[in-house]
Amino acid sequence: MIDLRTLRENPDAVRASQRARGEDEGLVDALLSADERRRAAIARADALRAEQKQFGKQVGRARGEERDALLAKGKELAAEVKAAEAEQTDAEAVLDGAHRAIPNIVYPDVPPGGEDDYVVLKHVGEPRTFDFEPLDHLDLGARLGAIDMERGAKVSGSRFYFLTGVGAQLQLALLNLAAQQAVANGFTLMIPPVLVRPEIMGGTGYLGAHAAEVYHLADEDLYLVGTSEVPLAGYHANEILDLSAGPRRYAGWSSCFRREAGSYGKDTRGIIRVHQFDKVEMFVYCRPADAEAEHARLLAWEEQMLAKIEVPYRVIDTAAGDLGSSAARKFDAEAWLPTQQTYRELTSTSNCTTFQARRLAVRYRDENGRPQTAATLNGTLATTRWIVAILENHQQPDGSVTVPEALRPLLGRDVLSPV
């Protein structure tokens, strides 16, 4: 949730953020109204409770008929207190709903607009020129005995798959490489649960506009995570962290699950957009003042991993309307896919400022010892989708694939050959 102090002091900044996202500005006025109503209800309930307390002292000193009259008046006052408390409860519920309806406030220099309004920040590497007709990752995966979509669909339905033989080995090598890099840079490696409670999923902002993409187990009222960002964000829920030594950094390795609702017709071939995949995700808790610098570090660590798989890529500044509700800014790194002649996202890193931590009550103590809301950030370090870029960019005329040098010690081979 956004900071209500920012709303009160600078509502125009929140309105500008809503415009940049293409969201309803009227939600800002609704939240202002709900905030004023709640504050007025609290003030009235507090005043009546104080009056009731003083009145109780008068009753204690009174005798006879005076006491009887005061007791009758006390009943009326008690009814007023009860009504005021009910109004406060209702006002707080309305405020909570209005508060949760507004996404995070985007940074002023985030590009406005939707999915296609990103700004390219840089290109790294040159797309390879092939002297043969390149195969796409699915054809290569079939020839290598690495990907089996047909049996994945037979067992589980569309957009499921088996990684087989060298395909499974390649994924393990890739994720191990990511885990090694994370640990070398001070991250605590975590294997988190992939089922979470509603308050954790909602706390990270995935039960709003993106709720249709999330798998829900109704009988248990648990959600399958689409990223280990979710359980890692909940790891310190309702805690006060010691951030005196700097940010807390975690790297979560987990399977991830996404319904991909509304994405029919997009990247349906192969393993680009699927319902289940594995990922190593970086997650950081830090002081809000450190969040921008930490965001730059996460992007740099992502680029280190991309350099290790030796593929051309670009970095984009994602437009406001494509950020998701929790992010104030997001950088995507997209790898070149030769057979599509376009760039596809491999990594994403988001600065969520205090939005998630406010919902999840994650705090730290400032230099005066007072609890303050922490900031959270996340960033992808490797996923199953990276296999697509590796196979397509490193393929050879005979259908084999050269293994990037950094992966060779973990994979135990220099070339993947057709079976």
Protein backbone atom coordinates (compact mmCIF):
# COMPACT_ATOMS: atom_id res chain seq x y z
CA MET A 1 0.00 0.00 0.00
CA ILE A 2 1.12 3.54 -0.59
CA ASP A 3 2.11 5.83 2.28
CA LEU A 4 -0.96 7.81 3.41
CA ARG A 5 1.28 10.70 4.42
CA THR A 6 2.33 11.05 0.79
CA LEU A 7 -1.32 11.00 -0.22
CA ARG A 8 -2.22 13.77 2.25
CA GLU A 9 0.82 15.94 1.54
CA ASN A 10 1.02 15.48 -2.24
CA PRO A 11 -2.15 13.97 -3.75
CA ASP A 12 -1.17 15.36 -7.17
CA ALA A 13 1.83 13.00 -7.23
CA VAL A 14 -0.50 10.05 -6.71
CA ARG A 15 -2.84 11.36 -9.42
CA ALA A 16 0.12 11.73 -11.81
CA SER A 17 1.16 8.14 -11.06
CA GLN A 18 -2.36 6.92 -11.83
CA ARG A 19 -2.34 8.81 -15.14
CA ALA A 20 1.04 7.35 -16.09
CA ARG A 21 -0.29 3.86 -15.39
CA GLY A 22 -3.53 4.48 -17.27
CA GLU A 23 -5.45 3.94 -14.03
CA ASP A 24 -8.47 5.76 -12.60
CA GLU A 25 -7.52 9.07 -10.93
CA GLY A 26 -10.85 9.04 -9.13
CA LEU A 27 -9.47 6.34 -6.83
CA VAL A 28 -7.20 8.98 -5.31
CA ASP A 29 -10.14 11.17 -4.29
CA ALA A 30 -11.97 8.10 -2.97
CA LEU A 31 -8.95 7.27 -0.80
CA LEU A 32 -8.66 10.87 0.44
CA SER A 33 -12.33 10.83 1.39
CA ALA A 34 -12.02 7.46 3.13
CA ASP A 35 -8.94 8.67 5.02
CA GLU A 36 -10.75 11.80 6.24
CA ARG A 37 -13.79 9.76 7.27
CA ARG A 38 -11.65 7.31 9.24
CA ARG A 39 -9.72 10.05 11.02
CA ALA A 40 -12.98 11.81 11.95
CA ALA A 41 -14.48 8.52 13.19
CA ILE A 42 -11.42 7.79 15.34
CA ALA A 43 -11.50 11.30 16.80
CA ARG A 44 -15.21 11.01 17.64
CA ALA A 45 -14.85 7.53 19.17
CA ASP A 46 -11.82 8.64 21.23
CA ALA A 47 -13.64 11.74 22.47
CA LEU A 48 -16.72 9.75 23.48
CA ARG A 49 -14.63 7.13 25.27
CA ALA A 50 -12.83 9.88 27.19
CA GLU A 51 -16.19 11.44 28.09
CA GLN A 52 -17.49 8.04 29.20
CA LYS A 53 -14.45 7.56 31.42
CA GLN A 54 -14.94 10.92 33.10
CA PHE A 55 -18.66 10.28 33.41
CA GLY A 56 -17.94 7.01 35.18
CA LYS A 57 -16.05 8.94 37.87
CA GLN A 58 -19.07 11.22 38.37
CA VAL A 59 -21.35 8.20 38.79
CA GLY A 60 -18.99 6.77 41.39
CA ARG A 61 -19.29 9.92 43.51
CA ALA A 62 -23.06 10.36 43.14
CA ARG A 63 -25.75 9.11 45.54
CA GLY A 64 -29.50 8.49 45.49
CA GLU A 65 -31.64 10.04 42.77
CA GLU A 66 -28.67 11.85 41.27
CA ARG A 67 -26.94 8.50 40.77
CA ASP A 68 -30.04 6.99 39.14
CA ALA A 69 -30.22 9.92 36.70
CA LEU A 70 -26.54 9.64 35.89
CA LEU A 71 -26.83 5.90 35.31
CA ALA A 72 -29.64 6.50 32.81
CA LYS A 73 -27.53 9.08 31.02
CA GLY A 74 -24.61 6.68 31.15
CA LYS A 75 -26.60 4.12 29.17
CA GLU A 76 -27.22 6.71 26.46
CA LEU A 77 -23.53 7.58 26.41
CA ALA A 78 -22.60 3.90 26.19
CA ALA A 79 -24.89 3.54 23.19
CA GLU A 80 -23.20 6.56 21.55
CA VAL A 81 -19.77 5.02 22.17
CA LYS A 82 -20.91 1.72 20.67
CA ALA A 83 -22.28 3.48 17.58
CA ALA A 84 -19.08 5.54 17.22
CA GLU A 85 -16.94 2.41 17.46
CA ALA A 86 -19.08 0.70 14.83
CA GLU A 87 -18.64 3.74 12.58
CA GLN A 88 -14.87 3.60 13.16
CA THR A 89 -14.78 -0.10 12.24
CA ASP A 90 -16.78 0.53 9.08
CA ALA A 91 -14.64 3.56 8.15
CA GLU A 92 -11.47 1.52 8.61
CA ALA A 93 -12.82 -1.24 6.35
CA VAL A 94 -13.72 1.30 3.65
CA LEU A 95 -10.27 2.88 3.96
CA ASP A 96 -8.54 -0.48 3.66
CA GLY A 97 -10.44 -1.27 0.46
CA ALA A 98 -9.72 2.16 -1.04
CA HIS A 99 -6.07 1.94 0.05
CA ARG A 100 -5.53 -1.46 -1.57
CA ALA A 101 -7.15 -0.30 -4.81
CA ILE A 102 -4.29 2.10 -5.60
CA PRO A 103 -1.04 0.63 -6.99
CA ASN A 104 2.40 1.82 -5.99
CA ILE A 105 3.43 5.35 -6.92
CA VAL A 106 5.72 5.18 -9.94
CA TYR A 107 8.97 7.09 -10.09
CA PRO A 108 8.64 10.36 -12.04
CA ASP A 109 11.07 9.28 -14.79
CA VAL A 110 9.29 5.97 -15.50
CA PRO A 111 7.92 6.04 -19.07
CA PRO A 112 4.12 6.52 -19.12
CA GLY A 113 1.92 4.15 -21.11
CA GLY A 114 1.44 0.43 -21.55
CA GLU A 115 3.27 -2.72 -22.62
CA ASP A 116 4.70 -1.25 -25.84
CA ASP A 117 5.79 2.10 -24.37
CA TYR A 118 9.04 0.95 -22.76
CA VAL A 119 12.32 2.81 -23.26
CA VAL A 120 15.42 0.87 -24.36
CA LEU A 121 18.31 1.78 -22.06
CA LYS A 122 21.07 -0.21 -23.77
CA HIS A 123 21.97 -3.10 -26.05
CA VAL A 124 24.68 -5.61 -25.15
CA GLY A 125 26.13 -7.90 -27.80
CA GLU A 126 25.25 -8.24 -31.47
CA PRO A 127 22.68 -10.71 -32.81
CA ARG A 128 24.43 -13.55 -34.56
CA THR A 129 24.35 -13.84 -38.35
CA PHE A 130 23.62 -17.44 -39.37
CA ASP A 131 24.87 -19.00 -42.62
CA PHE A 132 22.15 -21.66 -42.27
CA GLU A 133 18.45 -21.65 -41.43
CA PRO A 134 18.31 -21.63 -37.60
CA LEU A 135 15.90 -23.93 -35.79
CA ASP A 136 13.70 -22.72 -33.00
CA HIS A 137 14.24 -23.97 -29.44
CA LEU A 138 11.47 -26.57 -29.65
CA ASP A 139 12.86 -28.25 -32.78
CA LEU A 140 16.34 -28.14 -31.27
CA GLY A 141 15.05 -29.47 -27.94
CA ALA A 142 13.35 -32.40 -29.68
CA ARG A 143 16.48 -33.31 -31.66
CA LEU A 144 18.64 -33.08 -28.54
CA GLY A 145 16.22 -35.18 -26.48
CA ALA A 146 15.90 -32.19 -24.16
CA ILE A 147 12.23 -31.09 -24.36
CA ASP A 148 9.08 -33.20 -24.71
CA MET A 149 5.98 -31.05 -25.15
CA GLU A 150 3.76 -33.82 -26.52
CA ARG A 151 3.99 -35.99 -23.43
CA GLY A 152 3.77 -32.93 -21.18
CA ALA A 153 0.40 -32.16 -22.77
CA LYS A 154 -0.65 -35.82 -22.49
CA VAL A 155 0.09 -35.88 -18.77
CA SER A 156 -0.94 -32.37 -17.69
CA GLY A 157 -2.50 -30.44 -20.59
CA SER A 158 -1.37 -27.59 -22.81
CA ARG A 159 1.65 -25.49 -21.82
CA PHE A 160 3.14 -28.27 -19.74
CA TYR A 161 6.31 -30.15 -20.76
CA PHE A 162 9.02 -32.55 -19.71
CA LEU A 163 12.66 -31.50 -19.62
CA THR A 164 14.45 -34.72 -20.48
CA GLY A 165 18.05 -35.85 -20.50
CA VAL A 166 20.36 -32.93 -21.29
CA GLY A 167 17.40 -30.55 -21.00
CA ALA A 168 16.99 -31.39 -17.32
CA GLN A 169 20.76 -31.28 -16.84
CA LEU A 170 20.97 -27.91 -18.56
CA GLN A 171 18.33 -26.41 -16.27
CA LEU A 172 20.05 -27.73 -13.15
CA ALA A 173 23.41 -26.39 -14.36
CA LEU A 174 21.88 -23.00 -15.10
CA LEU A 175 20.10 -22.67 -11.76
CA ASN A 176 23.15 -23.91 -9.87
CA LEU A 177 25.24 -21.27 -11.62
CA ALA A 178 22.72 -18.62 -10.51
CA ALA A 179 22.71 -19.96 -6.95
CA GLN A 180 26.51 -19.90 -6.83
CA GLN A 181 26.61 -16.31 -8.03
CA ALA A 182 23.98 -15.26 -5.50
CA VAL A 183 25.83 -16.85 -2.58
CA ALA A 184 29.13 -15.32 -3.74
CA ASN A 185 27.47 -11.89 -3.59
CA GLY A 186 26.19 -12.29 -0.04
CA PHE A 187 22.70 -13.71 -0.64
CA THR A 188 21.29 -16.34 1.68
CA LEU A 189 20.11 -19.25 -0.48
CA MET A 190 16.54 -20.37 0.31
CA ILE A 191 14.24 -23.15 -0.88
CA PRO A 192 10.87 -21.71 0.13
CA PRO A 193 7.39 -23.24 0.27
CA VAL A 194 5.43 -22.86 -2.97
CA LEU A 195 2.02 -22.73 -1.26
CA VAL A 196 1.21 -19.56 0.69
CA ARG A 197 -1.65 -18.11 2.68
CA PRO A 198 -3.98 -15.48 1.17
CA GLU A 199 -2.55 -12.69 3.33
CA ILE A 200 0.95 -13.37 1.97
CA MET A 201 -0.15 -13.56 -1.67
CA GLY A 202 -2.28 -10.44 -1.22
CA GLY A 203 0.49 -8.69 0.68
CA THR A 204 2.80 -8.90 -2.31
CA GLY A 205 0.13 -7.43 -4.61
CA TYR A 206 -0.74 -10.50 -6.69
CA LEU A 207 -4.43 -10.75 -5.78
CA GLY A 208 -5.50 -7.56 -7.52
CA ALA A 209 -5.35 -7.18 -11.28
CA HIS A 210 -3.25 -10.37 -11.59
CA ALA A 211 -5.47 -12.63 -9.46
CA ALA A 212 -6.63 -14.55 -12.55
CA GLU A 213 -3.04 -15.69 -13.18
CA VAL A 214 -2.71 -17.35 -9.77
CA TYR A 215 -3.60 -20.97 -8.97
CA HIS A 216 -5.82 -21.25 -5.87
CA LEU A 217 -6.42 -24.42 -3.86
CA ALA A 218 -9.90 -23.65 -2.53
CA ASP A 219 -10.15 -26.51 0.00
CA GLU A 220 -6.97 -25.40 1.80
CA ASP A 221 -7.31 -21.69 0.91
CA LEU A 222 -3.70 -21.66 -0.24
CA TYR A 223 -2.12 -20.20 -3.38
CA LEU A 224 0.60 -21.67 -5.60
CA VAL A 225 3.30 -19.06 -6.05
CA GLY A 226 4.25 -17.64 -9.45
CA THR A 227 7.61 -16.55 -8.07
CA SER A 228 9.56 -17.14 -4.85
CA GLU A 229 9.31 -13.38 -4.36
CA VAL A 230 6.00 -14.16 -2.64
CA PRO A 231 7.17 -16.49 0.17
CA LEU A 232 10.37 -14.47 0.60
CA ALA A 233 8.31 -11.29 1.03
CA GLY A 234 6.28 -13.09 3.68
CA TYR A 235 9.37 -14.50 5.42
CA HIS A 236 9.71 -11.44 7.68
CA ALA A 237 6.02 -10.45 7.82
CA ASN A 238 5.06 -8.78 11.12
CA GLU A 239 8.72 -8.46 12.13
CA ILE A 240 11.12 -5.61 12.89
CA LEU A 241 14.41 -6.25 11.07
CA ASP A 242 17.88 -5.17 12.02
CA LEU A 243 19.15 -3.38 8.90
CA SER A 244 22.02 -1.61 10.65
CA ALA A 245 24.55 -3.74 8.74
CA GLY A 246 22.85 -3.11 5.38
CA PRO A 247 20.23 -4.85 3.24
CA ARG A 248 18.98 -8.38 3.89
CA ARG A 249 19.42 -10.37 0.66
CA TYR A 250 17.83 -13.74 -0.09
CA ALA A 251 17.88 -15.94 -3.19
CA GLY A 252 14.93 -18.31 -3.53
CA TRP A 253 15.07 -21.44 -5.71
CA SER A 254 11.61 -22.81 -6.41
CA SER A 255 9.16 -24.16 -8.91
CA CYS A 256 6.71 -21.47 -10.01
CA PHE A 257 3.14 -21.77 -11.27
CA ARG A 258 1.14 -19.36 -13.46
CA ARG A 259 -2.25 -19.85 -15.06
CA GLU A 260 -1.29 -17.38 -17.83
CA ALA A 261 -4.94 -16.29 -18.05
CA GLY A 262 -5.55 -13.90 -20.92
CA SER A 263 -2.31 -14.83 -22.71
CA TYR A 264 -3.77 -17.25 -25.26
CA GLY A 265 -2.09 -16.84 -28.62
CA LYS A 266 1.06 -15.33 -27.06
CA ASP A 267 4.27 -17.40 -27.19
CA THR A 268 2.29 -20.64 -27.11
CA ARG A 269 4.96 -22.66 -28.92
CA GLY A 270 7.56 -24.31 -26.73
CA ILE A 271 8.57 -23.30 -23.23
CA ILE A 272 8.52 -19.51 -23.43
CA ARG A 273 5.16 -19.04 -21.69
CA VAL A 274 4.17 -22.07 -19.63
CA HIS A 275 2.23 -22.97 -16.50
CA GLN A 276 5.16 -24.36 -14.50
CA PHE A 277 8.86 -23.49 -14.49
CA ASP A 278 11.81 -23.22 -12.12
CA LYS A 279 13.55 -20.04 -11.11
CA VAL A 280 16.19 -18.50 -8.87
CA GLU A 281 14.88 -15.17 -7.60
CA MET A 282 16.73 -12.48 -5.67
CA PHE A 283 14.79 -10.70 -2.92
CA VAL A 284 15.97 -7.78 -0.79
CA TYR A 285 14.81 -5.93 2.31
CA CYS A 286 16.46 -2.56 2.83
CA ARG A 287 15.96 0.98 4.09
CA PRO A 288 13.89 3.07 1.66
CA ALA A 289 16.82 5.46 1.19
CA ASP A 290 18.94 2.55 -0.11
CA ALA A 291 16.35 1.13 -2.52
CA GLU A 292 17.41 2.88 -5.74
CA ALA A 293 21.06 1.92 -5.30
CA GLU A 294 20.03 -1.64 -4.49
CA HIS A 295 17.88 -1.74 -7.62
CA ALA A 296 20.94 -0.86 -9.71
CA ARG A 297 22.89 -3.67 -7.99
CA LEU A 298 20.19 -6.23 -8.77
CA LEU A 299 20.23 -5.25 -12.44
CA ALA A 300 24.03 -5.53 -12.50
CA TRP A 301 23.88 -9.04 -10.99
CA GLU A 302 21.30 -10.04 -13.60
CA GLU A 303 23.59 -8.77 -16.34
CA GLN A 304 26.48 -10.78 -14.89
CA MET A 305 24.38 -13.92 -15.31
CA LEU A 306 23.36 -12.96 -18.84
CA ALA A 307 27.03 -12.49 -19.75
CA LYS A 308 27.70 -16.04 -18.56
CA ILE A 309 25.27 -17.54 -21.07
CA GLU A 310 26.76 -15.42 -23.87
CA VAL A 311 23.59 -14.14 -25.56
CA PRO A 312 22.85 -10.67 -26.97
CA TYR A 313 20.33 -8.75 -24.90
CA ARG A 314 18.86 -5.35 -24.24
CA VAL A 315 17.72 -3.62 -21.04
CA ILE A 316 14.42 -1.74 -21.01
CA ASP A 317 12.81 0.69 -18.60
CA THR A 318 9.30 -0.75 -18.33
CA ALA A 319 6.40 1.64 -18.87
CA ALA A 320 4.16 2.53 -15.93
CA GLY A 321 1.13 0.63 -17.17
CA ASP A 322 3.14 -2.60 -17.40
CA LEU A 323 4.75 -2.49 -13.96
CA GLY A 324 2.22 -4.48 -11.94
CA SER A 325 0.65 -3.03 -8.84
CA SER A 326 3.62 -3.38 -6.47
CA ALA A 327 6.52 -1.94 -8.49
CA ALA A 328 7.50 1.72 -8.59
CA ARG A 329 10.05 0.97 -11.29
CA LYS A 330 11.08 -2.14 -13.22
CA PHE A 331 13.96 -2.97 -15.54
CA ASP A 332 13.67 -5.96 -17.88
CA ALA A 333 16.56 -7.65 -19.66
CA GLU A 334 15.46 -9.28 -22.90
CA ALA A 335 17.51 -11.78 -24.92
CA TRP A 336 17.56 -11.92 -28.72
CA LEU A 337 15.78 -14.95 -30.20
CA PRO A 338 17.04 -15.57 -33.75
CA THR A 339 14.00 -17.49 -35.00
CA GLN A 340 11.59 -14.80 -33.80
CA GLN A 341 13.83 -11.90 -34.82
CA THR A 342 12.90 -10.12 -31.62
CA TYR A 343 13.86 -9.76 -27.96
CA ARG A 344 12.07 -11.75 -25.23
CA GLU A 345 12.21 -11.11 -21.49
CA LEU A 346 14.64 -13.27 -19.51
CA THR A 347 15.00 -11.21 -16.34
CA SER A 348 13.07 -8.57 -14.50
CA THR A 349 14.00 -6.52 -11.44
CA SER A 350 11.50 -4.38 -9.54
CA ASN A 351 11.82 -1.72 -6.86
CA CYS A 352 8.65 -2.04 -4.79
CA THR A 353 9.67 0.72 -2.34
CA THR A 354 7.58 0.34 0.86
CA PHE A 355 4.43 -0.93 -0.91
CA GLN A 356 4.71 -4.64 -0.05
CA ALA A 357 6.34 -4.18 3.34
CA ARG A 358 3.53 -1.85 4.46
CA ARG A 359 0.97 -4.55 3.65
CA LEU A 360 3.04 -7.25 5.34
CA ALA A 361 4.11 -5.12 8.33
CA VAL A 362 7.85 -5.52 7.73
CA ARG A 363 9.73 -2.77 9.55
CA TYR A 364 13.18 -1.75 10.74
CA ARG A 365 14.42 0.70 13.38
CA ASP A 366 15.80 4.06 12.28
CA GLU A 367 18.78 5.80 13.89
CA ASN A 368 16.49 6.96 16.72
CA GLY A 369 15.18 3.47 17.37
CA ARG A 370 11.74 4.17 15.92
CA PRO A 371 10.08 1.50 13.75
CA GLN A 372 9.81 2.46 10.06
CA THR A 373 8.48 0.59 7.03
CA ALA A 374 11.18 -1.26 5.06
CA ALA A 375 11.56 -1.32 1.27
CA THR A 376 11.54 -4.53 -0.80
CA LEU A 377 13.05 -5.36 -4.20
CA ASN A 378 13.21 -8.46 -6.36
CA GLY A 379 15.08 -9.67 -9.42
CA THR A 380 15.28 -12.80 -11.58
CA LEU A 381 18.65 -14.54 -11.73
CA ALA A 382 17.75 -17.51 -13.95
CA THR A 383 14.65 -19.37 -15.12
CA THR A 384 13.65 -22.28 -17.35
CA ARG A 385 13.00 -19.77 -20.15
CA TRP A 386 16.75 -19.10 -20.40
CA ILE A 387 17.08 -22.52 -22.08
CA VAL A 388 15.27 -21.02 -25.08
CA ALA A 389 17.90 -18.31 -25.57
CA ILE A 390 20.81 -20.69 -24.98
CA LEU A 391 19.64 -23.26 -27.52
CA GLU A 392 18.73 -20.79 -30.26
CA ASN A 393 21.78 -18.55 -29.99
CA HIS A 394 24.36 -21.31 -29.65
CA GLN A 395 23.04 -23.80 -32.25
CA GLN A 396 25.27 -25.23 -34.97
CA PRO A 397 24.44 -26.35 -38.56
CA ASP A 398 24.29 -30.04 -37.57
CA GLY A 399 21.64 -29.38 -34.88
CA SER A 400 24.12 -29.50 -32.00
CA VAL A 401 24.40 -26.68 -29.44
CA THR A 402 27.64 -25.26 -28.07
CA VAL A 403 27.47 -24.96 -24.27
CA PRO A 404 28.42 -21.51 -22.90
CA GLU A 405 31.78 -21.74 -21.18
CA ALA A 406 30.48 -20.85 -17.70
CA LEU A 407 28.04 -23.76 -17.80
CA ARG A 408 30.50 -26.42 -18.95
CA PRO A 409 31.91 -27.39 -15.52
CA LEU A 410 28.39 -27.81 -14.14
CA LEU A 411 26.99 -29.58 -17.19
CA GLY A 412 30.02 -31.77 -17.76
CA ARG A 413 30.13 -31.27 -21.53
CA ASP A 414 31.05 -28.66 -24.14
CA VAL A 415 28.46 -29.56 -26.77
CA LEU A 416 24.91 -30.87 -26.74
CA SER A 417 24.54 -33.32 -29.64
CA PRO A 418 21.42 -34.63 -31.35
CA VAL A 419 20.34 -38.04 -30.10
